[in-house]
Amino acid sequence: MIITNWSSIPFFLLFTTSSPVRRCRRSRGRGPKAGMNVPSARHGGADAPLLQGLWEHLRGGQEEILVSPYLPASCAFLTHLLLCAPFLALDALGSVCQRIRSCRISAGSEPPPSLRRWVDCFWRVLFNYLTTVLPASALFQSLRSPKLPQLAPSCWQLFVEVFACFLLFDLLFFLWHYSMHRVPWLYRNIHQVHHQNQTPFALAAQDASSAELLSLLLLALSSAWAVGCHPLSEALFHLLNSWLAVEDHCGYDLPWALHRLLPCLGGAPHHQAHHGLHRGNYAPYFTHWDHLCGTYMY
């Protein structure tokens, strides 16, 4: 599960920002000082960021929106719903189509989750966001004075920062998840709610206690902070993190799933085994920590 912080740039703002042409027209006639705050490609020399145009397009006239204390939780919730929508359609079709149902990991044991389960899960997740995630993220935002940098990252910097975030988050999540299963009080009071879905489905990726949602928020924010991500890198990290969490809980072993393309990922089979056994496979995405610590179960 993932909750974005202040520097995450929601993808739908690509379509709401003012166009570069209008910004250029507004800048005419303002004299030399008007161009002093606009980074040019030649400032980066031969390594000028290819993403500069996109970054300027996102920043233009949107800084007040991007640093809003209510934006992070709102975008995290809406992004989660959008990413879950394809799997809701698969679950609906799976109830009448045998071919789709055969792609489920538990194909012969039980039918896809009903619409009632989806609706009940939706209300629980919404309640946790409204009562815990939204106030906490708004408080976090109010304690900071965020400033968006003028220069975009290079493509290499973007890749390195996102990959480093995933490696660090995977380690922190593994340690915290392992602790919640090993310490009875932590499991009972924090993690047990998430295991009410023995056979998970996409929306259940964020069906957890308020305390667990907050702890995972801190893990994601701490990972991005420790790496020192550019806002674009952090936005991409949170978006991919959210997608991987949804895919891990979707209940389908699809031919195009990321764990089939990248053997280092466990994917939905890896995580569903954890939900079924209530032990092992503690890392969220990669499998190396479970292999090294003897907790790999698949």
Protein backbone atom coordinates (compact mmCIF):
# COMPACT_ATOMS: atom_id res chain seq x y z
CA MET A 1 0.00 0.00 0.00
CA ILE A 2 1.15 3.46 -0.66
CA ILE A 3 0.41 7.00 0.31
CA THR A 4 2.09 9.82 -1.51
CA ASN A 5 3.67 12.79 0.22
CA TRP A 6 3.86 16.47 -0.71
CA SER A 7 6.35 16.05 -3.51
CA SER A 8 4.41 13.34 -5.36
CA ILE A 9 3.06 14.73 -8.60
CA PRO A 10 -0.30 13.20 -9.52
CA PHE A 11 -0.40 12.06 -13.11
CA PHE A 12 -3.78 13.65 -13.82
CA LEU A 13 -2.24 17.12 -13.32
CA LEU A 14 -0.58 16.61 -16.69
CA PHE A 15 -3.91 17.56 -18.20
CA THR A 16 -4.73 20.51 -15.95
CA THR A 17 -1.60 22.59 -16.09
CA SER A 18 -1.39 25.68 -18.25
CA SER A 19 0.25 25.15 -21.60
CA PRO A 20 3.88 26.16 -22.25
CA VAL A 21 2.70 28.43 -25.09
CA ARG A 22 0.53 30.51 -22.77
CA ARG A 23 3.33 30.70 -20.23
CA CYS A 24 5.72 31.95 -22.91
CA ARG A 25 3.25 34.63 -23.97
CA ARG A 26 2.81 35.78 -20.39
CA SER A 27 6.57 36.05 -19.98
CA ARG A 28 7.01 38.43 -22.94
CA GLY A 29 7.73 42.00 -22.10
CA ARG A 30 8.93 41.33 -18.56
CA GLY A 31 12.54 42.10 -19.30
CA PRO A 32 15.68 40.14 -18.52
CA LYS A 33 14.64 39.32 -14.96
CA ALA A 34 11.68 37.32 -16.18
CA GLY A 35 13.96 34.69 -17.67
CA MET A 36 16.32 34.45 -14.71
CA ASN A 37 14.15 31.96 -12.85
CA VAL A 38 13.49 29.76 -15.88
CA PRO A 39 16.12 27.02 -16.25
CA SER A 40 17.33 26.49 -19.76
CA ALA A 41 18.67 23.32 -21.30
CA ARG A 42 22.15 24.84 -21.70
CA HIS A 43 22.50 25.14 -17.90
CA GLY A 44 22.81 21.36 -17.79
CA GLY A 45 25.40 21.23 -20.57
CA ALA A 46 25.56 17.94 -22.42
CA ASP A 47 23.64 16.24 -19.59
CA ALA A 48 20.60 18.52 -19.77
CA PRO A 49 17.56 16.69 -18.35
CA LEU A 50 15.26 15.26 -20.99
CA LEU A 51 12.40 15.64 -18.51
CA GLN A 52 12.76 19.41 -18.13
CA GLY A 53 9.84 20.23 -20.41
CA LEU A 54 7.54 17.86 -18.53
CA TRP A 55 8.69 19.24 -15.19
CA GLU A 56 8.13 22.86 -16.23
CA HIS A 57 4.71 21.89 -17.58
CA LEU A 58 3.77 20.35 -14.24
CA ARG A 59 5.10 23.21 -12.16
CA GLY A 60 3.54 26.01 -14.22
CA GLY A 61 0.83 27.62 -12.13
CA GLN A 62 0.31 24.52 -9.99
CA GLU A 63 2.67 24.94 -7.02
CA GLU A 64 -0.11 25.89 -4.61
CA ILE A 65 -2.03 22.76 -5.56
CA LEU A 66 1.02 20.51 -5.43
CA VAL A 67 1.88 21.53 -1.86
CA SER A 68 -1.71 21.38 -0.57
CA PRO A 69 -1.89 19.47 2.73
CA TYR A 70 -4.90 17.50 1.48
CA LEU A 71 -3.47 16.46 -1.88
CA PRO A 72 -1.32 13.47 -0.80
CA ALA A 73 -4.06 11.37 0.79
CA SER A 74 -6.60 12.34 -1.85
CA CYS A 75 -4.30 11.29 -4.70
CA ALA A 76 -3.28 8.09 -2.93
CA PHE A 77 -6.90 7.04 -2.44
CA LEU A 78 -7.99 7.92 -5.98
CA THR A 79 -4.92 6.28 -7.52
CA HIS A 80 -5.57 3.12 -5.54
CA LEU A 81 -9.17 2.99 -6.78
CA LEU A 82 -8.14 3.55 -10.40
CA LEU A 83 -5.50 0.82 -10.27
CA CYS A 84 -8.01 -1.59 -8.72
CA ALA A 85 -10.67 -0.97 -11.37
CA PRO A 86 -9.30 -3.50 -13.95
CA PHE A 87 -9.31 -6.24 -11.31
CA LEU A 88 -12.85 -5.39 -10.27
CA ALA A 89 -13.82 -5.97 -13.91
CA LEU A 90 -11.91 -9.29 -13.94
CA ASP A 91 -13.65 -10.43 -10.76
CA ALA A 92 -17.04 -9.54 -12.23
CA LEU A 93 -16.29 -11.36 -15.49
CA GLY A 94 -14.74 -14.28 -13.65
CA SER A 95 -18.06 -15.15 -12.09
CA VAL A 96 -19.42 -15.99 -15.56
CA CYS A 97 -16.30 -16.76 -17.62
CA GLN A 98 -14.37 -19.94 -16.88
CA ARG A 99 -11.29 -18.80 -18.82
CA ILE A 100 -10.84 -15.72 -16.63
CA ARG A 101 -11.58 -17.70 -13.48
CA SER A 102 -8.83 -20.15 -14.44
CA CYS A 103 -6.26 -17.33 -14.14
CA ARG A 104 -7.04 -16.98 -10.45
CA ILE A 105 -4.40 -18.44 -8.13
CA SER A 106 -7.14 -20.18 -6.14
CA ALA A 107 -9.04 -21.16 -9.30
CA GLY A 108 -10.49 -24.43 -8.06
CA SER A 109 -11.08 -23.55 -4.41
CA GLU A 110 -13.41 -20.57 -4.37
CA PRO A 111 -15.09 -18.05 -6.70
CA PRO A 112 -13.85 -14.47 -7.21
CA PRO A 113 -14.76 -12.01 -4.44
CA SER A 114 -18.31 -10.75 -4.69
CA LEU A 115 -19.30 -7.15 -5.30
CA ARG A 116 -20.48 -7.01 -1.68
CA ARG A 117 -16.94 -7.77 -0.48
CA TRP A 118 -15.59 -5.02 -2.71
CA VAL A 119 -18.12 -2.50 -1.40
CA ASP A 120 -17.51 -3.41 2.25
CA CYS A 121 -13.75 -3.13 1.72
CA PHE A 122 -14.18 0.22 -0.02
CA TRP A 123 -16.00 1.71 2.97
CA ARG A 124 -13.38 0.43 5.41
CA VAL A 125 -10.53 1.90 3.36
CA LEU A 126 -12.37 5.20 2.92
CA PHE A 127 -13.04 5.40 6.66
CA ASN A 128 -9.34 4.87 7.46
CA TYR A 129 -8.33 7.53 4.97
CA LEU A 130 -10.79 10.09 6.30
CA THR A 131 -10.08 9.46 9.99
CA THR A 132 -6.35 8.72 9.96
CA VAL A 133 -4.44 9.06 6.69
CA LEU A 134 -5.84 12.43 5.63
CA PRO A 135 -5.29 14.18 9.01
CA ALA A 136 -1.83 12.64 9.44
CA SER A 137 -0.64 13.58 5.95
CA ALA A 138 -2.10 17.09 6.36
CA LEU A 139 -0.21 17.47 9.65
CA PHE A 140 2.98 16.23 8.04
CA GLN A 141 2.53 18.75 5.24
CA SER A 142 1.91 21.64 7.59
CA LEU A 143 5.16 20.95 9.44
CA ARG A 144 7.19 21.36 6.25
CA SER A 145 7.88 24.25 3.93
CA PRO A 146 8.08 22.42 0.60
CA LYS A 147 9.73 24.04 -2.39
CA LEU A 148 9.72 22.50 -5.81
CA PRO A 149 13.13 22.55 -7.57
CA GLN A 150 13.40 24.27 -10.92
CA LEU A 151 15.46 21.56 -12.65
CA ALA A 152 14.12 18.15 -13.54
CA PRO A 153 16.19 15.01 -12.88
CA SER A 154 18.03 13.25 -15.65
CA CYS A 155 16.57 9.94 -16.80
CA TRP A 156 19.43 8.10 -15.12
CA GLN A 157 18.89 9.98 -11.86
CA LEU A 158 15.17 9.16 -12.03
CA PHE A 159 15.90 5.45 -12.49
CA VAL A 160 18.53 5.28 -9.74
CA GLU A 161 16.40 7.14 -7.20
CA VAL A 162 13.27 5.06 -7.86
CA PHE A 163 15.22 1.79 -7.73
CA ALA A 164 16.98 2.86 -4.51
CA CYS A 165 13.61 3.73 -2.97
CA PHE A 166 12.25 0.29 -3.80
CA LEU A 167 15.28 -1.48 -2.33
CA LEU A 168 15.13 0.53 0.90
CA PHE A 169 11.35 0.30 1.24
CA ASP A 170 11.48 -3.45 0.60
CA LEU A 171 13.99 -3.88 3.45
CA LEU A 172 12.08 -1.66 5.90
CA PHE A 173 8.79 -3.35 5.06
CA PHE A 174 10.35 -6.81 5.49
CA LEU A 175 11.66 -5.95 8.96
CA TRP A 176 8.38 -4.36 10.08
CA HIS A 177 6.22 -7.12 8.60
CA TYR A 178 8.37 -9.83 10.17
CA SER A 179 8.12 -8.06 13.54
CA MET A 180 4.32 -7.82 13.33
CA HIS A 181 4.11 -11.58 12.81
CA ARG A 182 6.67 -12.45 15.47
CA VAL A 183 5.38 -10.19 18.26
CA PRO A 184 1.86 -11.31 19.28
CA TRP A 185 0.83 -7.88 20.56
CA LEU A 186 1.77 -6.23 17.25
CA TYR A 187 -0.07 -8.85 15.23
CA ARG A 188 -3.17 -8.68 17.38
CA ASN A 189 -3.44 -4.90 17.56
CA ILE A 190 -1.99 -3.78 14.21
CA HIS A 191 -1.66 -6.46 11.54
CA GLN A 192 -4.49 -8.90 12.15
CA VAL A 193 -7.05 -6.72 10.36
CA HIS A 194 -5.15 -7.06 7.10
CA HIS A 195 -5.27 -10.87 7.36
CA GLN A 196 -9.05 -11.01 7.56
CA ASN A 197 -8.84 -11.59 3.79
CA GLN A 198 -7.29 -15.05 3.64
CA THR A 199 -7.69 -14.90 -0.14
CA PRO A 200 -6.82 -11.28 -0.96
CA PHE A 201 -8.17 -9.16 -3.79
CA ALA A 202 -6.90 -5.92 -5.30
CA LEU A 203 -8.76 -3.40 -3.14
CA ALA A 204 -7.69 -5.26 0.02
CA ALA A 205 -4.12 -4.04 -0.49
CA GLN A 206 -5.05 -1.10 1.75
CA ASP A 207 -7.59 -2.94 3.89
CA ALA A 208 -5.63 -2.65 7.12
CA SER A 209 -5.82 -1.04 10.53
CA SER A 210 -5.28 2.69 10.87
CA ALA A 211 -2.04 2.05 12.75
CA GLU A 212 -0.69 -0.14 9.96
CA LEU A 213 -1.62 2.38 7.28
CA LEU A 214 0.21 5.09 9.22
CA SER A 215 3.27 2.91 9.73
CA LEU A 216 3.45 2.14 6.00
CA LEU A 217 3.05 5.83 5.22
CA LEU A 218 6.10 6.53 7.38
CA LEU A 219 8.08 3.74 5.71
CA ALA A 220 7.37 5.11 2.23
CA LEU A 221 8.11 8.71 3.23
CA SER A 222 11.27 7.69 5.08
CA SER A 223 12.53 5.74 2.08
CA ALA A 224 12.08 8.68 -0.28
CA TRP A 225 13.56 11.11 2.27
CA ALA A 226 16.62 8.92 2.92
CA VAL A 227 17.32 8.56 -0.79
CA GLY A 228 16.86 12.30 -1.33
CA CYS A 229 14.50 11.92 -4.25
CA HIS A 230 13.56 14.58 -6.73
CA PRO A 231 9.75 15.10 -6.65
CA LEU A 232 9.39 13.43 -10.05
CA SER A 233 11.33 10.40 -8.85
CA GLU A 234 9.27 10.21 -5.70
CA ALA A 235 6.03 10.52 -7.66
CA LEU A 236 7.05 7.62 -9.89
CA PHE A 237 8.12 5.56 -6.87
CA HIS A 238 4.75 6.03 -5.16
CA LEU A 239 2.82 5.29 -8.34
CA LEU A 240 4.74 2.07 -9.06
CA ASN A 241 4.62 1.14 -5.38
CA SER A 242 0.86 1.45 -5.40
CA TRP A 243 0.55 -0.63 -8.57
CA LEU A 244 2.79 -3.40 -7.20
CA ALA A 245 0.77 -3.51 -3.96
CA VAL A 246 -2.45 -3.87 -5.94
CA GLU A 247 -0.95 -6.54 -8.19
CA ASP A 248 0.38 -8.46 -5.18
CA HIS A 249 -3.13 -8.66 -3.73
CA CYS A 250 -5.09 -9.10 -6.96
CA GLY A 251 -5.40 -12.89 -6.70
CA TYR A 252 -4.50 -13.46 -10.38
CA ASP A 253 -1.40 -14.99 -11.92
CA LEU A 254 -1.65 -13.17 -15.23
CA PRO A 255 0.72 -13.81 -18.18
CA TRP A 256 1.80 -10.16 -18.29
CA ALA A 257 2.28 -9.74 -14.53
CA LEU A 258 5.55 -8.08 -13.54
CA HIS A 259 6.79 -11.10 -11.56
CA ARG A 260 6.74 -13.09 -14.83
CA LEU A 261 8.89 -10.45 -16.53
CA LEU A 262 11.23 -9.86 -13.58
CA PRO A 263 12.15 -13.07 -11.72
CA CYS A 264 13.41 -11.06 -8.73
CA LEU A 265 9.79 -10.16 -7.88
CA GLY A 266 7.49 -12.49 -5.99
CA GLY A 267 4.20 -11.11 -7.27
CA ALA A 268 0.70 -12.26 -6.42
CA PRO A 269 1.54 -15.98 -5.93
CA HIS A 270 4.27 -15.06 -3.46
CA HIS A 271 2.02 -12.80 -1.39
CA GLN A 272 -1.07 -14.99 -1.58
CA ALA A 273 0.97 -17.84 -0.10
CA HIS A 274 1.71 -15.53 2.83
CA HIS A 275 -2.00 -14.78 3.33
CA GLY A 276 -2.85 -18.46 3.16
CA LEU A 277 -0.12 -19.66 5.55
CA HIS A 278 0.00 -16.55 7.79
CA ARG A 279 3.78 -16.83 7.80
CA GLY A 280 6.76 -16.48 5.47
CA ASN A 281 7.16 -14.28 2.38
CA TYR A 282 7.39 -11.10 4.47
CA ALA A 283 9.02 -8.90 1.83
CA PRO A 284 6.49 -6.96 -0.25
CA TYR A 285 8.06 -7.20 -3.70
CA PHE A 286 11.56 -8.67 -4.00
CA THR A 287 12.31 -12.17 -2.74
CA HIS A 288 15.99 -11.92 -1.76
CA TRP A 289 15.36 -11.06 1.92
CA ASP A 290 13.05 -14.04 2.36
CA HIS A 291 15.63 -16.31 0.69
CA LEU A 292 18.47 -14.95 2.86
CA CYS A 293 16.48 -15.16 6.11
CA GLY A 294 14.93 -18.57 5.45
CA THR A 295 11.36 -17.25 5.33
CA TYR A 296 10.68 -17.95 1.66
CA MET A 297 7.50 -20.03 1.26
CA TYR A 298 6.41 -20.86 -2.31
